[in-house]
Amino acid sequence: MRWIRHLFLDHHALARAFPRATLDAIGRAVAEQERRHRGELRVAIEGGLPLQALVAGRSARERALEQFTRLRVWNTEDNAGVLIYLLLADRRVEIVADRGIHARVGDTAWETICGAMQQEFAAGRFEAGVLTGLSSVSDLLAQHFPARSGENPNELPDAPVIL
């Protein structure tokens, strides 16, 4: 059944869940939230896994870790990058955090945020789910890596990436 979901979840289904206006709102929210702290946020959205990943039996978590590396979320000055990865075919949300913030927060916080996002998604509220997640992650980043007065460089793109 997993194969069918991944192979037949097309770009139209992805566009219905995340139309251009929603993607733009997410990009604006990332920029706004990043002003609160020194962390960097990335949102990656994938409809279904590519055939090679399916054949290899990759989990959503494994794919999120791959994208964390590929998108260079790990490469921030304060080691406070956070990737929110959505795999629609598996109905999964994964948060991968760099070592600086993860050491201070731990798995339980990320799992709680993922659960809240998945509840919104189950109700069909995709934009609200991502915005809720961004706000919650930013609350943690602001607590542990507050913005400094003056300089707060934007190290990663704000726009969500569709894989």
Protein backbone atom coordinates (compact mmCIF):
# COMPACT_ATOMS: atom_id res chain seq x y z
CA MET A 1 0.00 0.00 0.00
CA ARG A 2 2.89 2.39 0.77
CA TRP A 3 4.21 2.01 -2.78
CA ILE A 4 0.87 2.96 -4.26
CA ARG A 5 0.57 6.09 -2.11
CA HIS A 6 4.08 7.23 -3.04
CA LEU A 7 3.89 6.46 -6.73
CA PHE A 8 0.47 8.01 -7.28
CA LEU A 9 0.64 11.10 -5.08
CA ASP A 10 1.30 13.56 -7.86
CA HIS A 11 2.16 17.23 -8.04
CA HIS A 12 -1.53 18.13 -8.35
CA ALA A 13 -2.26 16.62 -4.94
CA LEU A 14 0.75 18.41 -3.53
CA ALA A 15 -0.40 21.69 -5.08
CA ARG A 16 -3.89 21.26 -3.59
CA ALA A 17 -2.43 20.84 -0.11
CA PHE A 18 0.18 23.57 -0.60
CA PRO A 19 -0.93 26.10 -3.24
CA ARG A 20 1.36 28.99 -4.17
CA ALA A 21 -0.36 31.33 -1.66
CA THR A 22 0.32 28.86 1.16
CA LEU A 23 3.96 28.44 0.14
CA ASP A 24 4.34 32.22 0.08
CA ALA A 25 2.76 32.50 3.54
CA ILE A 26 5.16 29.86 4.87
CA GLY A 27 8.16 31.73 3.41
CA ARG A 28 7.00 34.98 5.01
CA ALA A 29 6.47 33.19 8.34
CA VAL A 30 9.98 31.73 8.25
CA ALA A 31 11.45 35.21 7.70
CA GLU A 32 9.30 36.69 10.46
CA GLN A 33 10.09 33.93 12.97
CA GLU A 34 13.83 34.08 12.26
CA ARG A 35 13.90 37.70 13.43
CA ARG A 36 13.16 36.37 16.95
CA HIS A 37 16.32 34.24 17.26
CA ARG A 38 19.70 33.28 15.78
CA GLY A 39 18.46 29.94 14.48
CA GLU A 40 17.68 29.09 10.88
CA LEU A 41 14.46 27.40 9.73
CA ARG A 42 13.88 25.36 6.58
CA VAL A 43 10.67 23.71 5.45
CA ALA A 44 10.88 20.85 2.94
CA ILE A 45 7.73 19.29 1.49
CA GLU A 46 7.66 16.05 -0.43
CA GLY A 47 4.61 14.36 -1.90
CA GLY A 48 6.05 10.87 -2.22
CA LEU A 49 9.48 9.31 -2.10
CA PRO A 50 11.39 8.80 -5.33
CA LEU A 51 11.44 5.22 -6.62
CA GLN A 52 15.04 4.63 -5.50
CA ALA A 53 14.18 5.62 -1.90
CA LEU A 54 11.09 3.41 -1.96
CA VAL A 55 13.06 0.41 -3.19
CA ALA A 56 15.64 1.02 -0.46
CA GLY A 57 12.83 1.09 2.12
CA ARG A 58 13.71 4.58 3.36
CA SER A 59 11.64 5.96 6.20
CA ALA A 60 10.45 9.53 6.47
CA ARG A 61 13.09 10.08 9.17
CA GLU A 62 15.89 8.82 6.93
CA ARG A 63 14.71 11.03 4.09
CA ALA A 64 14.53 14.03 6.44
CA LEU A 65 18.12 13.41 7.53
CA GLU A 66 19.20 13.29 3.87
CA GLN A 67 17.49 16.60 3.18
CA PHE A 68 18.94 18.16 6.34
CA THR A 69 22.36 17.49 4.85
CA ARG A 70 21.49 18.32 1.23
CA LEU A 71 19.88 21.65 2.17
CA ARG A 72 22.86 22.48 4.44
CA VAL A 73 20.68 23.12 7.48
CA TRP A 74 23.54 21.78 9.62
CA ASN A 75 25.88 24.51 8.38
CA THR A 76 24.80 27.51 10.45
CA GLU A 77 27.01 29.67 12.63
CA ASP A 78 25.34 28.76 15.94
CA ASN A 79 24.54 25.14 15.02
CA ALA A 80 20.91 26.09 15.45
CA GLY A 81 19.39 25.07 12.13
CA VAL A 82 16.06 23.23 12.13
CA LEU A 83 14.44 21.38 9.24
CA ILE A 84 10.72 20.71 9.23
CA TYR A 85 10.20 17.91 6.72
CA LEU A 86 6.76 16.84 5.48
CA LEU A 87 6.22 13.56 3.64
CA LEU A 88 2.60 13.68 2.50
CA ALA A 89 2.33 10.11 1.20
CA ASP A 90 3.25 8.73 4.64
CA ARG A 91 1.43 11.51 6.49
CA ARG A 92 4.61 12.15 8.46
CA VAL A 93 6.25 15.22 9.90
CA GLU A 94 9.88 15.03 10.92
CA ILE A 95 11.94 17.69 12.62
CA VAL A 96 15.70 17.46 12.35
CA ALA A 97 17.64 19.90 14.51
CA ASP A 98 21.31 20.74 14.50
CA ARG A 99 23.38 19.74 17.51
CA GLY A 100 23.41 23.19 19.14
CA ILE A 101 19.65 23.41 19.60
CA HIS A 102 18.99 19.67 19.87
CA ALA A 103 21.36 19.34 22.85
CA ARG A 104 19.28 21.95 24.69
CA VAL A 105 15.82 20.75 23.68
CA GLY A 106 15.86 16.99 23.06
CA ASP A 107 13.60 14.58 21.19
CA THR A 108 10.45 15.02 23.28
CA ALA A 109 10.00 18.67 22.31
CA TRP A 110 10.37 17.91 18.60
CA GLU A 111 7.95 14.97 18.83
CA THR A 112 5.36 17.16 20.56
CA ILE A 113 5.60 19.78 17.81
CA CYS A 114 5.35 17.09 15.10
CA GLY A 115 2.23 15.70 16.78
CA ALA A 116 0.53 19.11 16.88
CA MET A 117 1.33 19.64 13.20
CA GLN A 118 0.02 16.22 12.23
CA GLN A 119 -3.29 16.96 14.01
CA GLU A 120 -3.72 20.09 11.89
CA PHE A 121 -2.84 18.16 8.73
CA ALA A 122 -5.35 15.41 9.58
CA ALA A 123 -8.02 18.12 9.64
CA GLY A 124 -6.86 19.39 6.22
CA ARG A 125 -5.31 22.56 7.65
CA PHE A 126 -1.88 22.34 6.03
CA GLU A 127 -0.95 26.01 6.20
CA ALA A 128 -2.05 26.28 9.83
CA GLY A 129 -0.09 23.14 10.68
CA VAL A 130 3.16 24.45 9.24
CA LEU A 131 2.68 27.90 10.80
CA THR A 132 2.00 26.28 14.18
CA GLY A 133 5.17 24.22 13.85
CA LEU A 134 7.27 27.21 12.84
CA SER A 135 6.01 29.22 15.79
CA SER A 136 6.66 26.40 18.26
CA VAL A 137 10.16 25.72 16.95
CA SER A 138 10.89 29.45 17.03
CA ASP A 139 9.76 29.66 20.65
CA LEU A 140 12.45 27.12 21.53
CA LEU A 141 15.08 28.83 19.39
CA ALA A 142 14.25 32.23 20.91
CA GLN A 143 14.61 30.76 24.38
CA HIS A 144 18.02 29.19 23.71
CA PHE A 145 19.42 31.37 20.89
CA PRO A 146 17.79 34.81 21.28
CA ALA A 147 18.39 37.40 18.61
CA ARG A 148 21.22 39.83 19.25
CA SER A 149 20.68 43.51 18.75
CA GLY A 150 22.05 44.61 15.45
CA GLU A 151 23.21 41.83 13.18
CA ASN A 152 21.17 38.67 12.51
CA PRO A 153 22.24 37.31 9.11
CA ASN A 154 19.87 35.12 7.11
CA GLU A 155 22.01 32.07 6.40
CA LEU A 156 19.46 29.90 4.56
CA PRO A 157 16.62 30.63 2.11
CA ASP A 158 13.24 31.30 3.71
CA ALA A 159 11.06 29.85 0.97
CA PRO A 160 9.90 26.27 1.50
CA VAL A 161 11.42 23.74 -0.85
CA ILE A 162 9.25 21.28 -2.77
CA LEU A 163 11.13 18.05 -3.39
